[in-house]
Amino acid sequence: MNNKPFFELAYKINLIRQLMIVTGQTKGLNHPETLKYSQELDRLIFTTQKTYRSCS
């Protein structure tokens, strides 16, 4: 099994998570940019879970 997609998703999740945290701290938790990162993070986590389930 090729683990590259999992590593790429994990990298993206950590990157978006850090961006969301910094944006939330500087602009506020209800700022549209923070919410955009939160939604993107949800999408990436869902994709990771779906991919993981299909491989197991």
Protein backbone atom coordinates (compact mmCIF):
# COMPACT_ATOMS: atom_id res chain seq x y z
CA MET A 1 0.00 0.00 0.00
CA ASN A 2 1.25 3.48 -0.88
CA ASN A 3 1.24 5.72 2.20
CA LYS A 4 2.03 8.91 0.29
CA PRO A 5 -1.61 10.11 0.11
CA PHE A 6 -1.94 9.69 3.88
CA PHE A 7 1.23 11.67 4.53
CA GLU A 8 0.09 14.40 2.16
CA LEU A 9 -3.30 14.62 3.86
CA ALA A 10 -1.67 14.67 7.31
CA TYR A 11 0.64 17.47 6.18
CA LYS A 12 -2.28 19.49 4.79
CA ILE A 13 -4.33 18.91 7.95
CA ASN A 14 -1.52 20.17 10.17
CA LEU A 15 -0.90 23.18 7.94
CA ILE A 16 -4.57 24.21 7.84
CA ARG A 17 -4.88 23.59 11.58
CA GLN A 18 -1.99 25.94 12.30
CA LEU A 19 -3.42 28.58 9.96
CA MET A 20 -6.81 28.28 11.65
CA ILE A 21 -5.29 28.64 15.13
CA VAL A 22 -3.23 31.71 14.23
CA THR A 23 -6.13 33.32 12.39
CA GLY A 24 -8.48 32.60 15.28
CA GLN A 25 -6.05 34.16 17.74
CA THR A 26 -5.43 37.27 15.66
CA LYS A 27 -8.76 37.90 13.93
CA GLY A 28 -11.22 36.09 16.19
CA LEU A 29 -13.00 32.77 16.14
CA ASN A 30 -15.99 34.08 14.17
CA HIS A 31 -13.92 35.79 11.47
CA PRO A 32 -14.78 34.48 7.97
CA GLU A 33 -11.15 33.48 7.35
CA THR A 34 -11.06 31.39 10.55
CA LEU A 35 -14.33 29.73 9.59
CA LYS A 36 -13.00 29.04 6.09
CA TYR A 37 -9.99 27.23 7.57
CA SER A 38 -12.26 25.32 9.95
CA GLN A 39 -14.43 24.10 7.08
CA GLU A 40 -11.36 23.14 5.03
CA LEU A 41 -9.99 21.25 8.03
CA ASP A 42 -13.29 19.38 8.41
CA ARG A 43 -13.21 18.45 4.72
CA LEU A 44 -9.63 17.16 4.93
CA ILE A 45 -10.33 15.13 8.06
CA PHE A 46 -13.42 13.62 6.45
CA THR A 47 -11.41 12.74 3.33
CA THR A 48 -8.73 11.11 5.48
CA GLN A 49 -11.28 9.06 7.40
CA LYS A 50 -13.04 7.98 4.21
CA THR A 51 -9.74 7.00 2.58
CA TYR A 52 -8.60 5.11 5.66
CA ARG A 53 -11.87 3.15 5.88
CA SER A 54 -11.69 2.14 2.23
CA CYS A 55 -8.18 0.72 2.74
CA SER A 56 -8.96 -1.31 5.84
